[in-house]
Structures are given as structure tokens and as C-alpha cells.
PDB file of N, CA and C in Angstrom:
ATOM      1  N   MET A   1     129.294 203.929   8.177  1.00  0.00           N
ATOM      2  CA  MET A   1     128.576 203.905   6.795  1.00  0.00           C
ATOM      3  C   MET A   1     127.936 202.814   6.368  1.00  0.00           C
ATOM      4  N   PHE A   2     126.790 203.147   5.735  1.00  0.00           N
ATOM      5  CA  PHE A   2     125.723 202.111   5.451  1.00  0.00           C
ATOM      6  C   PHE A   2     126.278 201.660   4.145  1.00  0.00           C
ATOM      7  N   LYS A   3     125.949 199.908   3.608  1.00  0.00           N
ATOM      8  CA  LYS A   3     126.351 199.734   2.347  1.00  0.00           C
ATOM      9  C   LYS A   3     125.286 198.375   2.109  1.00  0.00           C
ATOM     10  N   ARG A   4     124.659 198.862   1.280  1.00  0.00           N
ATOM     11  CA  ARG A   4     123.606 197.283   0.803  1.00  0.00           C
ATOM     12  C   ARG A   4     124.446 196.345   0.094  1.00  0.00           C
ATOM     13  N   LEU A   5     124.592 195.039   0.693  1.00  0.00           N
ATOM     14  CA  LEU A   5     125.376 194.217  -0.158  1.00  0.00           C
ATOM     15  C   LEU A   5     124.707 193.590  -1.241  1.00  0.00           C
ATOM     16  N   GLU A   6     125.208 192.686  -2.295  1.00  0.00           N
ATOM     17  CA  GLU A   6     124.601 192.304  -3.429  1.00  0.00           C
ATOM     18  C   GLU A   6     123.679 191.127  -3.117  1.00  0.00           C
ATOM     19  N   ASP A   7     124.126 190.648  -1.951  1.00  0.00           N
ATOM     20  CA  ASP A   7     123.201 189.257  -1.366  1.00  0.00           C
ATOM     21  C   ASP A   7     121.657 189.902  -0.970  1.00  0.00           C
ATOM     22  N   GLY A   8     121.689 190.891  -0.373  1.00  0.00           N
ATOM     23  CA  GLY A   8     120.609 191.632   0.137  1.00  0.00           C
ATOM     24  C   GLY A   8     120.886 192.262   1.691  1.00  0.00           C
ATOM     25  N   GLY A   9     122.037 191.576   2.312  1.00  0.00           N
ATOM     26  CA  GLY A   9     122.038 191.911   3.434  1.00  0.00           C
ATOM     27  C   GLY A   9     122.787 193.324   3.649  1.00  0.00           C
ATOM     28  N   ILE A  10     123.439 193.780   4.988  1.00  0.00           N
ATOM     29  CA  ILE A  10     123.839 195.090   4.671  1.00  0.00           C
ATOM     30  C   ILE A  10     125.417 194.850   5.799  1.00  0.00           C
ATOM     31  N   SER A  11     126.220 195.976   5.274  1.00  0.00           N
ATOM     32  CA  SER A  11     127.147 196.251   6.015  1.00  0.00           C
ATOM     33  C   SER A  11     127.391 197.581   6.997  1.00  0.00           C
ATOM     34  N   LEU A  12     127.553 198.013   8.343  1.00  0.00           N
ATOM     35  CA  LEU A  12     127.643 199.012   9.002  1.00  0.00           C
ATOM     36  C   LEU A  12     129.077 199.182   9.549  1.00  0.00           C
ATOM     37  N   SER A  13     129.545 200.342   9.071  1.00  0.00           N
ATOM     38  CA  SER A  13     131.209 200.573   9.847  1.00  0.00           C
ATOM     39  C   SER A  13     131.596 201.853  10.186  1.00  0.00           C
ATOM     40  N   TYR A  14     132.251 202.059  10.884  1.00  0.00           N
ATOM     41  CA  TYR A  14     132.684 203.293  11.357  1.00  0.00           C
ATOM     42  C   TYR A  14     134.357 203.596  11.515  1.00  0.00           C
ATOM     43  N   GLU A  15     135.097 204.272  11.670  1.00  0.00           N
ATOM     44  CA  GLU A  15     136.332 204.366  11.847  1.00  0.00           C
ATOM     45  C   GLU A  15     136.696 205.547  13.285  1.00  0.00           C
ATOM     46  N   ASP A  16     137.451 205.381  13.678  1.00  0.00           N
ATOM     47  CA  ASP A  16     138.189 206.133  14.766  1.00  0.00           C
ATOM     48  C   ASP A  16     139.448 206.144  14.638  1.00  0.00           C
ATOM     49  N   TYR A  17     139.963 207.377  14.263  1.00  0.00           N
ATOM     50  CA  TYR A  17     141.294 207.998  13.982  1.00  0.00           C
ATOM     51  C   TYR A  17     141.916 208.369  15.355  1.00  0.00           C
ATOM     52  N   ASN A  18     143.332 207.826  15.473  1.00  0.00           N
ATOM     53  CA  ASN A  18     144.227 208.440  16.335  1.00  0.00           C
ATOM     54  C   ASN A  18     143.548 208.272  17.720  1.00  0.00           C
ATOM     55  N   VAL A  19     143.180 206.871  17.970  1.00  0.00           N
ATOM     56  CA  VAL A  19     142.886 206.293  19.024  1.00  0.00           C
ATOM     57  C   VAL A  19     143.726 206.002  20.220  1.00  0.00           C
ATOM     58  N   GLU A  20     143.492 206.960  21.262  1.00  0.00           N
ATOM     59  CA  GLU A  20     144.655 206.943  22.329  1.00  0.00           C
ATOM     60  C   GLU A  20     144.843 205.592  23.116  1.00  0.00           C
ATOM     61  N   ALA A  21     143.577 205.060  23.151  1.00  0.00           N
ATOM     62  CA  ALA A  21     143.995 203.774  24.039  1.00  0.00           C
ATOM     63  C   ALA A  21     144.535 202.645  23.100  1.00  0.00           C
ATOM     64  N   PHE A  22     144.579 202.835  21.735  1.00  0.00           N
ATOM     65  CA  PHE A  22     145.724 201.931  20.790  1.00  0.00           C
ATOM     66  C   PHE A  22     146.749 202.463  20.336  1.00  0.00           C
ATOM     67  N   GLY A  23     147.413 203.612  21.772  1.00  0.00           N
ATOM     68  CA  GLY A  23     148.854 204.313  21.001  1.00  0.00           C
ATOM     69  C   GLY A  23     148.431 204.981  19.692  1.00  0.00           C
ATOM     70  N   GLY A  24     147.471 205.676  19.172  1.00  0.00           N
ATOM     71  CA  GLY A  24     147.342 206.618  18.180  1.00  0.00           C
ATOM     72  C   GLY A  24     147.125 206.011  16.903  1.00  0.00           C
ATOM     73  N   ALA A  25     146.444 204.213  17.009  1.00  0.00           N
ATOM     74  CA  ALA A  25     146.458 203.930  16.008  1.00  0.00           C
ATOM     75  C   ALA A  25     144.652 204.121  15.171  1.00  0.00           C
ATOM     76  N   ASP A  26     144.500 203.818  14.174  1.00  0.00           N
ATOM     77  CA  ASP A  26     143.237 203.719  13.996  1.00  0.00           C
ATOM     78  C   ASP A  26     142.297 202.598  14.137  1.00  0.00           C
ATOM     79  N   TYR A  27     140.888 202.774  14.337  1.00  0.00           N
ATOM     80  CA  TYR A  27     140.138 201.628  14.438  1.00  0.00           C
ATOM     81  C   TYR A  27     139.217 201.281  14.070  1.00  0.00           C
ATOM     82  N   GLU A  28     138.862 200.289  13.147  1.00  0.00           N
ATOM     83  CA  GLU A  28     137.623 200.319  12.460  1.00  0.00           C
ATOM     84  C   GLU A  28     136.960 199.175  13.006  1.00  0.00           C
ATOM     85  N   VAL A  29     135.300 199.430  12.931  1.00  0.00           N
ATOM     86  CA  VAL A  29     134.523 198.296  13.033  1.00  0.00           C
ATOM     87  C   VAL A  29     133.525 198.017  11.622  1.00  0.00           C
ATOM     88  N   ILE A  30     133.348 196.434  11.805  1.00  0.00           N
ATOM     89  CA  ILE A  30     132.557 196.462  10.773  1.00  0.00           C
ATOM     90  C   ILE A  30     131.046 195.683  11.213  1.00  0.00           C
ATOM     91  N   TYR A  31     130.298 195.795  11.041  1.00  0.00           N
ATOM     92  CA  TYR A  31     129.276 195.071  11.296  1.00  0.00           C
ATOM     93  C   TYR A  31     128.395 194.290  10.145  1.00  0.00           C
ATOM     94  N   THR A  32     128.205 193.129   9.889  1.00  0.00           N
ATOM     95  CA  THR A  32     127.512 192.657   8.615  1.00  0.00           C
ATOM     96  C   THR A  32     126.260 191.589   9.313  1.00  0.00           C
ATOM     97  N   LEU A  33     125.387 192.164   8.695  1.00  0.00           N
ATOM     98  CA  LEU A  33     124.115 191.195   8.595  1.00  0.00           C
ATOM     99  C   LEU A  33     123.320 190.339   7.364  1.00  0.00           C
ATOM    100  N   THR A  34     122.866 189.399   7.439  1.00  0.00           N
ATOM    101  CA  THR A  34     122.485 188.804   6.195  1.00  0.00           C
ATOM    102  C   THR A  34     120.971 189.683   5.915  1.00  0.00           C
ATOM    103  N   MET A  35     120.332 188.976   4.678  1.00  0.00           N
ATOM    104  CA  MET A  35     119.111 189.958   4.249  1.00  0.00           C
ATOM    105  C   MET A  35     118.225 189.648   5.356  1.00  0.00           C
ATOM    106  N   GLU A  36     118.101 188.326   5.764  1.00  0.00           N
ATOM    107  CA  GLU A  36     117.177 188.061   6.890  1.00  0.00           C
ATOM    108  C   GLU A  36     117.316 188.447   8.157  1.00  0.00           C
ATOM    109  N   GLU A  37     118.928 189.189   8.506  1.00  0.00           N
ATOM    110  CA  GLU A  37     118.747 189.567   9.717  1.00  0.00           C
ATOM    111  C   GLU A  37     118.415 191.094   9.831  1.00  0.00           C
ATOM    112  N   SER A  38     118.902 191.496   8.461  1.00  0.00           N
ATOM    113  CA  SER A  38     118.385 193.047   8.167  1.00  0.00           C
ATOM    114  C   SER A  38     117.094 193.418   8.303  1.00  0.00           C
ATOM    115  N   ASN A  39     116.700 192.464   7.619  1.00  0.00           N
ATOM    116  CA  ASN A  39     114.848 192.399   7.736  1.00  0.00           C
ATOM    117  C   ASN A  39     114.391 192.562   8.945  1.00  0.00           C
ATOM    118  N   LYS A  40     114.888 191.564   9.985  1.00  0.00           N
ATOM    119  CA  LYS A  40     114.716 191.747  11.318  1.00  0.00           C
ATOM    120  C   LYS A  40     114.853 192.978  12.043  1.00  0.00           C
ATOM    121  N   LEU A  41     116.060 193.528  11.662  1.00  0.00           N
ATOM    122  CA  LEU A  41     116.344 194.661  12.422  1.00  0.00           C
ATOM    123  C   LEU A  41     115.693 195.511  11.887  1.00  0.00           C
ATOM    124  N   TYR A  42     114.887 195.833  10.525  1.00  0.00           N
ATOM    125  CA  TYR A  42     114.261 196.757  10.188  1.00  0.00           C
ATOM    126  C   TYR A  42     112.982 196.776  10.925  1.00  0.00           C
ATOM    127  N   ASP A  43     112.614 195.353  11.094  1.00  0.00           N
ATOM    128  CA  ASP A  43     111.274 195.078  11.659  1.00  0.00           C
ATOM    129  C   ASP A  43     111.105 195.911  13.094  1.00  0.00           C
ATOM    130  N   ASN A  44     112.204 195.675  13.993  1.00  0.00           N
ATOM    131  CA  ASN A  44     112.258 196.253  15.188  1.00  0.00           C
ATOM    132  C   ASN A  44     112.381 197.212  15.522  1.00  0.00           C
ATOM    133  N   LEU A  45     113.048 198.315  14.324  1.00  0.00           N
ATOM    134  CA  LEU A  45     113.684 199.497  14.596  1.00  0.00           C
ATOM    135  C   LEU A  45     112.027 200.189  13.909  1.00  0.00           C
ATOM    136  N   ASP A  46     111.220 199.608  13.147  1.00  0.00           N
ATOM    137  CA  ASP A  46     110.593 200.392  12.483  1.00  0.00           C
ATOM    138  C   ASP A  46     109.314 200.587  13.892  1.00  0.00           C
ATOM    139  N   LYS A  47     109.302 199.433  14.235  1.00  0.00           N
ATOM    140  CA  LYS A  47     108.152 199.062  15.718  1.00  0.00           C
ATOM    141  C   LYS A  47     108.505 200.212  16.780  1.00  0.00           C
ATOM    142  N   GLU A  48     109.775 200.118  16.804  1.00  0.00           N
ATOM    143  CA  GLU A  48     110.355 201.311  18.175  1.00  0.00           C
ATOM    144  C   GLU A  48     109.618 202.684  17.361  1.00  0.00           C
ATOM    145  N   TYR A  49     110.164 202.834  16.169  1.00  0.00           N
ATOM    146  CA  TYR A  49     110.295 204.200  15.452  1.00  0.00           C
ATOM    147  C   TYR A  49     108.628 204.704  15.762  1.00  0.00           C
ATOM    148  N   ARG A  50     107.500 203.641  15.416  1.00  0.00           N
ATOM    149  CA  ARG A  50     106.163 203.802  15.675  1.00  0.00           C
ATOM    150  C   ARG A  50     105.885 203.998  17.023  1.00  0.00           C
ATOM    151  N   SER A  51     106.306 203.332  17.732  1.00  0.00           N
ATOM    152  CA  SER A  51     105.619 203.317  19.086  1.00  0.00           C
ATOM    153  C   SER A  51     105.822 204.710  19.961  1.00  0.00           C
ATOM    154  N   LYS A  52     106.993 205.537  19.181  1.00  0.00           N
ATOM    155  CA  LYS A  52     107.250 206.730  19.562  1.00  0.00           C
ATOM    156  C   LYS A  52     106.847 207.683  19.136  1.00  0.00           C
ATOM    157  N   GLY A  53     105.502 207.397  17.976  1.00  0.00           N
ATOM    158  CA  GLY A  53     105.125 208.194  17.363  1.00  0.00           C
ATOM    159  C   GLY A  53     105.523 208.707  15.960  1.00  0.00           C
ATOM    160  N   GLY A  54     106.443 208.214  15.500  1.00  0.00           N
ATOM    161  CA  GLY A  54     106.789 208.204  14.212  1.00  0.00           C
ATOM    162  C   GLY A  54     105.985 207.846  12.951  1.00  0.00           C
ATOM    163  N   LYS A  55     105.938 208.600  12.109  1.00  0.00           N
ATOM    164  CA  LYS A  55     104.542 208.343  11.310  1.00  0.00           C
ATOM    165  C   LYS A  55     105.317 208.177   9.901  1.00  0.00           C
ATOM    166  N   ASN A  56     106.256 208.856   9.426  1.00  0.00           N
ATOM    167  CA  ASN A  56     106.847 208.630   8.143  1.00  0.00           C
ATOM    168  C   ASN A  56     107.382 207.052   8.114  1.00  0.00           C
ATOM    169  N   ASN A  57     107.228 206.702   6.713  1.00  0.00           N
ATOM    170  CA  ASN A  57     108.181 205.754   6.244  1.00  0.00           C
ATOM    171  C   ASN A  57     109.427 205.605   6.286  1.00  0.00           C
ATOM    172  N   LEU A  58     110.303 205.278   7.068  1.00  0.00           N
ATOM    173  CA  LEU A  58     111.666 205.349   6.685  1.00  0.00           C
ATOM    174  C   LEU A  58     112.408 204.364   6.197  1.00  0.00           C
ATOM    175  N   TYR A  59     113.915 204.555   5.431  1.00  0.00           N
ATOM    176  CA  TYR A  59     114.427 203.412   4.850  1.00  0.00           C
ATOM    177  C   TYR A  59     115.108 202.936   5.874  1.00  0.00           C
ATOM    178  N   LEU A  60     115.642 201.577   6.008  1.00  0.00           N
ATOM    179  CA  LEU A  60     116.424 200.632   7.073  1.00  0.00           C
ATOM    180  C   LEU A  60     117.742 201.978   7.823  1.00  0.00           C
ATOM    181  N   GLN A  61     118.404 202.345   6.421  1.00  0.00           N
ATOM    182  CA  GLN A  61     119.740 203.396   7.051  1.00  0.00           C
ATOM    183  C   GLN A  61     118.944 204.478   7.842  1.00  0.00           C
ATOM    184  N   ASP A  62     118.098 205.163   7.766  1.00  0.00           N
ATOM    185  CA  ASP A  62     117.466 206.336   8.319  1.00  0.00           C
ATOM    186  C   ASP A  62     117.223 206.155   9.650  1.00  0.00           C
ATOM    187  N   LEU A  63     116.494 204.767   9.867  1.00  0.00           N
ATOM    188  CA  LEU A  63     115.922 204.155  10.858  1.00  0.00           C
ATOM    189  C   LEU A  63     117.325 204.222  12.007  1.00  0.00           C
ATOM    190  N   ILE A  64     118.269 203.330  11.115  1.00  0.00           N
ATOM    191  CA  ILE A  64     119.751 202.888  11.878  1.00  0.00           C
ATOM    192  C   ILE A  64     120.115 204.572  12.569  1.00  0.00           C
ATOM    193  N   TYR A  65     120.229 205.185  11.626  1.00  0.00           N
ATOM    194  CA  TYR A  65     121.005 206.553  11.854  1.00  0.00           C
ATOM    195  C   TYR A  65     120.078 207.302  13.228  1.00  0.00           C
ATOM    196  N   ASP A  66     118.726 207.148  12.941  1.00  0.00           N
ATOM    197  CA  ASP A  66     117.768 208.104  13.647  1.00  0.00           C
ATOM    198  C   ASP A  66     118.030 207.099  15.600  1.00  0.00           C
ATOM    199  N   LYS A  67     118.423 205.924  15.408  1.00  0.00           N
ATOM    200  CA  LYS A  67     118.230 205.348  16.680  1.00  0.00           C
ATOM    201  C   LYS A  67     119.656 205.452  17.108  1.00  0.00           C
ATOM    202  N   PHE A  68     120.929 205.147  16.336  1.00  0.00           N
ATOM    203  CA  PHE A  68     122.280 204.916  16.763  1.00  0.00           C
ATOM    204  C   PHE A  68     123.061 206.186  16.472  1.00  0.00           C
ATOM    205  N   GLY A  69     122.815 206.618  15.547  1.00  0.00           N
ATOM    206  CA  GLY A  69     123.728 207.650  15.158  1.00  0.00           C
ATOM    207  C   GLY A  69     124.580 207.555  14.326  1.00  0.00           C
ATOM    208  N   GLU A  70     125.192 208.234  13.216  1.00  0.00           N
ATOM    209  CA  GLU A  70     125.864 207.897  11.899  1.00  0.00           C
ATOM    210  C   GLU A  70     127.302 206.992  12.564  1.00  0.00           C
ATOM    211  N   ARG A  71     127.223 206.971  13.896  1.00  0.00           N
ATOM    212  CA  ARG A  71     128.800 206.430  14.107  1.00  0.00           C
ATOM    213  C   ARG A  71     128.363 205.400  14.723  1.00  0.00           C
ATOM    214  N   LEU A  72     127.135 204.949  14.714  1.00  0.00           N
ATOM    215  CA  LEU A  72     126.903 203.806  15.354  1.00  0.00           C
ATOM    216  C   LEU A  72     127.374 203.594  16.925  1.00  0.00           C
ATOM    217  N   GLU A  73     127.002 204.095  17.844  1.00  0.00           N
ATOM    218  CA  GLU A  73     127.103 203.845  19.162  1.00  0.00           C
ATOM    219  C   GLU A  73     127.087 202.398  19.351  1.00  0.00           C
ATOM    220  N   LYS A  74     128.351 201.866  19.017  1.00  0.00           N
ATOM    221  CA  LYS A  74     128.680 200.220  19.219  1.00  0.00           C
ATOM    222  C   LYS A  74     128.046 199.391  20.126  1.00  0.00           C
ATOM    223  N   MET A  75     128.048 199.980  21.648  1.00  0.00           N
ATOM    224  CA  MET A  75     127.588 198.975  22.679  1.00  0.00           C
ATOM    225  C   MET A  75     125.967 198.996  22.226  1.00  0.00           C
ATOM    226  N   SER A  76     125.383 200.347  22.092  1.00  0.00           N
ATOM    227  CA  SER A  76     123.796 200.242  21.830  1.00  0.00           C
ATOM    228  C   SER A  76     123.291 199.479  20.597  1.00  0.00           C
ATOM    229  N   PHE A  77     124.468 199.402  19.694  1.00  0.00           N
ATOM    230  CA  PHE A  77     123.680 198.621  18.242  1.00  0.00           C
ATOM    231  C   PHE A  77     123.967 197.189  19.150  1.00  0.00           C
ATOM    232  N   ALA A  78     124.715 196.772  19.079  1.00  0.00           N
ATOM    233  CA  ALA A  78     124.863 195.515  19.680  1.00  0.00           C
ATOM    234  C   ALA A  78     123.890 194.799  20.569  1.00  0.00           C
ATOM    235  N   LYS A  79     123.491 195.819  21.391  1.00  0.00           N
ATOM    236  CA  LYS A  79     123.026 195.307  22.452  1.00  0.00           C
ATOM    237  C   LYS A  79     121.719 195.408  22.268  1.00  0.00           C
ATOM    238  N   PHE A  80     120.846 196.213  21.011  1.00  0.00           N
ATOM    239  CA  PHE A  80     119.669 196.311  20.183  1.00  0.00           C
ATOM    240  C   PHE A  80     119.596 194.914  19.734  1.00  0.00           C
ATOM    241  N   CYS A  81     120.673 194.661  18.925  1.00  0.00           N
ATOM    242  CA  CYS A  81     120.683 193.434  18.234  1.00  0.00           C
ATOM    243  C   CYS A  81     120.343 192.091  19.457  1.00  0.00           C
ATOM    244  N   ASP A  82     121.417 192.149  20.193  1.00  0.00           N
ATOM    245  CA  ASP A  82     121.208 190.982  21.060  1.00  0.00           C
ATOM    246  C   ASP A  82     120.013 190.935  21.446  1.00  0.00           C
ATOM    247  N   GLU A  83     119.362 191.643  22.336  1.00  0.00           N
ATOM    248  CA  GLU A  83     117.697 192.027  22.771  1.00  0.00           C
ATOM    249  C   GLU A  83     116.757 191.739  21.965  1.00  0.00           C
ATOM    250  N   ASN A  84     117.213 191.642  20.675  1.00  0.00           N
ATOM    251  CA  ASN A  84     115.905 191.348  19.769  1.00  0.00           C
ATOM    252  C   ASN A  84     115.983 190.058  18.852  1.00  0.00           C
ATOM    253  N   GLY A  85     116.932 189.287  19.259  1.00  0.00           N
ATOM    254  CA  GLY A  85     117.696 188.059  18.354  1.00  0.00           C
ATOM    255  C   GLY A  85     118.130 188.197  17.002  1.00  0.00           C
ATOM    256  N   ILE A  86     118.434 189.428  16.861  1.00  0.00           N
ATOM    257  CA  ILE A  86     119.443 189.535  15.370  1.00  0.00           C
ATOM    258  C   ILE A  86     120.773 189.476  15.323  1.00  0.00           C
ATOM    259  N   LYS A  87     121.236 188.316  14.673  1.00  0.00           N
ATOM    260  CA  LYS A  87     122.467 188.022  14.683  1.00  0.00           C
ATOM    261  C   LYS A  87     123.362 188.870  13.441  1.00  0.00           C
ATOM    262  N   TYR A  88     124.555 189.140  13.901  1.00  0.00           N
ATOM    263  CA  TYR A  88     125.503 189.899  13.048  1.00  0.00           C
ATOM    264  C   TYR A  88     126.831 189.260  13.171  1.00  0.00           C
ATOM    265  N   LYS A  89     127.512 189.699  12.138  1.00  0.00           N
ATOM    266  CA  LYS A  89     129.099 189.339  12.268  1.00  0.00           C
ATOM    267  C   LYS A  89     129.715 190.572  12.602  1.00  0.00           C
ATOM    268  N   LEU A  90     130.771 190.627  13.566  1.00  0.00           N
ATOM    269  CA  LEU A  90     131.294 191.829  13.873  1.00  0.00           C
ATOM    270  C   LEU A  90     133.036 191.543  13.667  1.00  0.00           C
ATOM    271  N   ASN A  91     133.774 192.468  12.422  1.00  0.00           N
ATOM    272  CA  ASN A  91     135.029 192.731  12.824  1.00  0.00           C
ATOM    273  C   ASN A  91     135.368 194.069  13.100  1.00  0.00           C
ATOM    274  N   THR A  92     136.554 193.692  13.840  1.00  0.00           N
ATOM    275  CA  THR A  92     137.664 195.183  14.260  1.00  0.00           C
ATOM    276  C   THR A  92     138.480 195.075  13.822  1.00  0.00           C
ATOM    277  N   PHE A  93     139.561 196.113  13.412  1.00  0.00           N
ATOM    278  CA  PHE A  93     140.723 196.211  12.897  1.00  0.00           C
ATOM    279  C   PHE A  93     141.406 197.726  13.719  1.00  0.00           C
ATOM    280  N   VAL A  94     142.689 197.295  14.149  1.00  0.00           N
ATOM    281  CA  VAL A  94     143.431 198.039  14.237  1.00  0.00           C
ATOM    282  C   VAL A  94     144.685 198.285  13.519  1.00  0.00           C
ATOM    283  N   HIS A  95     144.744 199.514  12.869  1.00  0.00           N
ATOM    284  CA  HIS A  95     145.756 199.843  11.981  1.00  0.00           C
ATOM    285  C   HIS A  95     146.424 201.300  11.837  1.00  0.00           C
TER     286      HIS A  95
END
């Protein structure tokens, strides 16, 4: 789920239910980016999108879903951020 925060940053989250590796528990992942880091994410995703022929102006949420899917392929998202110097806070919960 994509959420714009009051301070201009973003929160991205997803849940997996009944995860076998956690004995059937639910697993939740939340990435939080400041406004500055969100802007860096947008710039990098937009640059990549346009380099592949994208011509439309997309919102950040659309660029994220286009690149990583609505369930945020966890390792791909983190790797992309790390490779592009984008800082994020990661919280995971098992419940």
C-alpha cells in the first residue's frame, strides 16, 4: 500500500498472510522514506522509465508499481534504493 505522509514522505507496505516460514503467522513489511528520499526515488524511477521509452508523466506511486509491482518485490526495491543512494527505514512485523 502506498501512503503519502503529512511531512511529504511516503510509506510503502505489504502483508503476507499465513506464511509457512513463520508457522502460519502473518508478515508485514513497511518502508518509510522522507520527502527528500521520496524525491530521489521519483527521479531515479522516472529516469529509468523514460530510458525504456516511457513517455507519459507518471506519479510516484505508478512508477513504483510499474517497477516493483503492488506487492513490492522486497529485495528488488531495497536493492534499487541501495544502488541509487536512497535511504529508507524498514520495519517488519510477524503477528
